[in-house]
Amino acid sequence: MSAAGHAASNVLVKASGDRMVFRTCLNLVTALWALPFVPFVALPNREAFTHLLIGIPIHWAYQMAMLQAFNRGDFGQVYPVPSLFLAKCSIGSSLLGY
């Protein structure tokens, strides 16, 4: 489900006229959709905040890199490259016990 949503959002970003504006709107709509669930979820522990502070700029850089890549290449050429990189990072992290 997550992969399908991620791929669909990237297709919509690629097809939009102003990709930066569309990506920003997509992020805002996602945040607004999640907002009603906040009261029902406990705050993360202190260690999780460290990971969030590291992960947020990495995620932002990934999104900006994808926007730049979409300006330079076709979706089928651009999308698999960072996805494979992220898969390698995930597998490596799990093998190292993180």
C-alpha atoms as a PDB file:
ATOM      1  CA  MET A   1       0.000   0.000   0.000  1.00  0.00           C
ATOM      2  CA  SER A   2       2.769   2.402   0.948  1.00  0.00           C
ATOM      3  CA  ALA A   3       4.775   1.634  -2.194  1.00  0.00           C
ATOM      4  CA  ALA A   4       1.729   2.180  -4.384  1.00  0.00           C
ATOM      5  CA  GLY A   5       0.971   5.500  -2.705  1.00  0.00           C
ATOM      6  CA  HIS A   6       4.588   6.598  -2.993  1.00  0.00           C
ATOM      7  CA  ALA A   7       4.745   5.687  -6.677  1.00  0.00           C
ATOM      8  CA  ALA A   8       1.395   7.365  -7.366  1.00  0.00           C
ATOM      9  CA  SER A   9       2.493  10.593  -5.678  1.00  0.00           C
ATOM     10  CA  ASN A  10       5.688  10.643  -7.739  1.00  0.00           C
ATOM     11  CA  VAL A  11       3.707  10.092 -10.943  1.00  0.00           C
ATOM     12  CA  LEU A  12       1.449  13.030 -10.024  1.00  0.00           C
ATOM     13  CA  VAL A  13       4.462  15.210  -9.217  1.00  0.00           C
ATOM     14  CA  LYS A  14       6.063  14.304 -12.541  1.00  0.00           C
ATOM     15  CA  ALA A  15       2.859  15.119 -14.450  1.00  0.00           C
ATOM     16  CA  SER A  16       2.199  18.434 -12.691  1.00  0.00           C
ATOM     17  CA  GLY A  17       3.101  21.799 -14.171  1.00  0.00           C
ATOM     18  CA  ASP A  18       4.978  23.236 -11.180  1.00  0.00           C
ATOM     19  CA  ARG A  19       6.507  20.286  -9.396  1.00  0.00           C
ATOM     20  CA  MET A  20       7.727  22.190  -6.332  1.00  0.00           C
ATOM     21  CA  VAL A  21       4.280  23.691  -5.667  1.00  0.00           C
ATOM     22  CA  PHE A  22       2.577  20.333  -6.207  1.00  0.00           C
ATOM     23  CA  ARG A  23       5.037  18.526  -3.897  1.00  0.00           C
ATOM     24  CA  THR A  24       4.482  21.168  -1.226  1.00  0.00           C
ATOM     25  CA  CYS A  25       0.697  20.862  -1.529  1.00  0.00           C
ATOM     26  CA  LEU A  26       0.950  17.073  -1.394  1.00  0.00           C
ATOM     27  CA  ASN A  27       3.006  17.263   1.806  1.00  0.00           C
ATOM     28  CA  LEU A  28       0.565  19.735   3.383  1.00  0.00           C
ATOM     29  CA  VAL A  29      -2.463  17.586   2.513  1.00  0.00           C
ATOM     30  CA  THR A  30      -0.723  14.531   3.969  1.00  0.00           C
ATOM     31  CA  ALA A  31       0.047  16.414   7.190  1.00  0.00           C
ATOM     32  CA  LEU A  32      -3.541  17.670   7.451  1.00  0.00           C
ATOM     33  CA  TRP A  33      -4.847  14.150   6.879  1.00  0.00           C
ATOM     34  CA  ALA A  34      -2.684  12.817   9.716  1.00  0.00           C
ATOM     35  CA  LEU A  35      -3.443  15.659  12.139  1.00  0.00           C
ATOM     36  CA  PRO A  36      -6.729  14.239  13.535  1.00  0.00           C
ATOM     37  CA  PHE A  37      -4.887  11.083  14.638  1.00  0.00           C
ATOM     38  CA  VAL A  38      -2.294  12.935  16.747  1.00  0.00           C
ATOM     39  CA  PRO A  39      -4.323  12.888  20.011  1.00  0.00           C
ATOM     40  CA  PHE A  40      -4.560   9.098  19.818  1.00  0.00           C
ATOM     41  CA  VAL A  41      -0.823   8.442  19.489  1.00  0.00           C
ATOM     42  CA  ALA A  42       1.725   8.646  22.298  1.00  0.00           C
ATOM     43  CA  LEU A  43       4.744  10.884  21.921  1.00  0.00           C
ATOM     44  CA  PRO A  44       7.870   9.047  20.814  1.00  0.00           C
ATOM     45  CA  ASN A  45      10.622   8.455  23.351  1.00  0.00           C
ATOM     46  CA  ARG A  46      13.728  10.643  23.515  1.00  0.00           C
ATOM     47  CA  GLU A  47      15.794   8.340  21.293  1.00  0.00           C
ATOM     48  CA  ALA A  48      13.177   8.548  18.554  1.00  0.00           C
ATOM     49  CA  PHE A  49      13.447  12.336  18.457  1.00  0.00           C
ATOM     50  CA  THR A  50      17.148  11.998  17.626  1.00  0.00           C
ATOM     51  CA  HIS A  51      16.272   9.778  14.678  1.00  0.00           C
ATOM     52  CA  LEU A  52      13.553  12.219  13.587  1.00  0.00           C
ATOM     53  CA  LEU A  53      15.973  15.144  13.676  1.00  0.00           C
ATOM     54  CA  ILE A  54      18.358  13.172  11.477  1.00  0.00           C
ATOM     55  CA  GLY A  55      15.673  11.721   9.216  1.00  0.00           C
ATOM     56  CA  ILE A  56      13.730  14.892   8.427  1.00  0.00           C
ATOM     57  CA  PRO A  57      16.556  16.661   6.543  1.00  0.00           C
ATOM     58  CA  ILE A  58      17.465  13.416   4.782  1.00  0.00           C
ATOM     59  CA  HIS A  59      13.854  12.997   3.640  1.00  0.00           C
ATOM     60  CA  TRP A  60      13.707  16.640   2.509  1.00  0.00           C
ATOM     61  CA  ALA A  61      16.944  16.222   0.529  1.00  0.00           C
ATOM     62  CA  TYR A  62      15.543  13.050  -1.076  1.00  0.00           C
ATOM     63  CA  GLN A  63      12.397  14.900  -2.166  1.00  0.00           C
ATOM     64  CA  MET A  64      14.406  17.813  -3.587  1.00  0.00           C
ATOM     65  CA  ALA A  65      16.707  15.395  -5.434  1.00  0.00           C
ATOM     66  CA  MET A  66      13.689  13.611  -6.910  1.00  0.00           C
ATOM     67  CA  LEU A  67      12.242  16.927  -8.122  1.00  0.00           C
ATOM     68  CA  GLN A  68      15.539  17.793  -9.797  1.00  0.00           C
ATOM     69  CA  ALA A  69      15.785  14.336 -11.315  1.00  0.00           C
ATOM     70  CA  PHE A  70      12.243  14.582 -12.714  1.00  0.00           C
ATOM     71  CA  ASN A  71      13.279  17.810 -14.438  1.00  0.00           C
ATOM     72  CA  ARG A  72      16.122  15.970 -16.162  1.00  0.00           C
ATOM     73  CA  GLY A  73      14.764  12.530 -17.001  1.00  0.00           C
ATOM     74  CA  ASP A  74      11.763  10.320 -17.584  1.00  0.00           C
ATOM     75  CA  PHE A  75       9.957   8.756 -14.614  1.00  0.00           C
ATOM     76  CA  GLY A  76      11.017   5.230 -15.606  1.00  0.00           C
ATOM     77  CA  GLN A  77      14.661   6.267 -15.688  1.00  0.00           C
ATOM     78  CA  VAL A  78      14.681   8.448 -12.597  1.00  0.00           C
ATOM     79  CA  TYR A  79      12.498   6.682 -10.047  1.00  0.00           C
ATOM     80  CA  PRO A  80      14.303   3.311  -9.752  1.00  0.00           C
ATOM     81  CA  VAL A  81      17.689   4.826  -8.870  1.00  0.00           C
ATOM     82  CA  PRO A  82      16.922   6.318  -5.418  1.00  0.00           C
ATOM     83  CA  SER A  83      14.518   3.495  -4.658  1.00  0.00           C
ATOM     84  CA  LEU A  84      17.317   0.952  -5.077  1.00  0.00           C
ATOM     85  CA  PHE A  85      19.609   3.082  -2.940  1.00  0.00           C
ATOM     86  CA  LEU A  86      17.018   3.229  -0.160  1.00  0.00           C
ATOM     87  CA  ALA A  87      16.450  -0.525  -0.407  1.00  0.00           C
ATOM     88  CA  LYS A  88      20.187  -1.128  -0.027  1.00  0.00           C
ATOM     89  CA  CYS A  89      20.299   1.157   3.012  1.00  0.00           C
ATOM     90  CA  SER A  90      17.344  -0.623   4.598  1.00  0.00           C
ATOM     91  CA  ILE A  91      18.837  -4.066   4.042  1.00  0.00           C
ATOM     92  CA  GLY A  92      22.215  -2.921   5.333  1.00  0.00           C
ATOM     93  CA  SER A  93      20.673  -1.404   8.446  1.00  0.00           C
ATOM     94  CA  SER A  94      18.722  -4.554   9.216  1.00  0.00           C
ATOM     95  CA  LEU A  95      21.802  -6.740   8.734  1.00  0.00           C
ATOM     96  CA  LEU A  96      23.788  -4.509  11.092  1.00  0.00           C
ATOM     97  CA  GLY A  97      21.026  -4.682  13.689  1.00  0.00           C
ATOM     98  CA  TYR A  98      19.793  -1.074  13.523  1.00  0.00           C
END
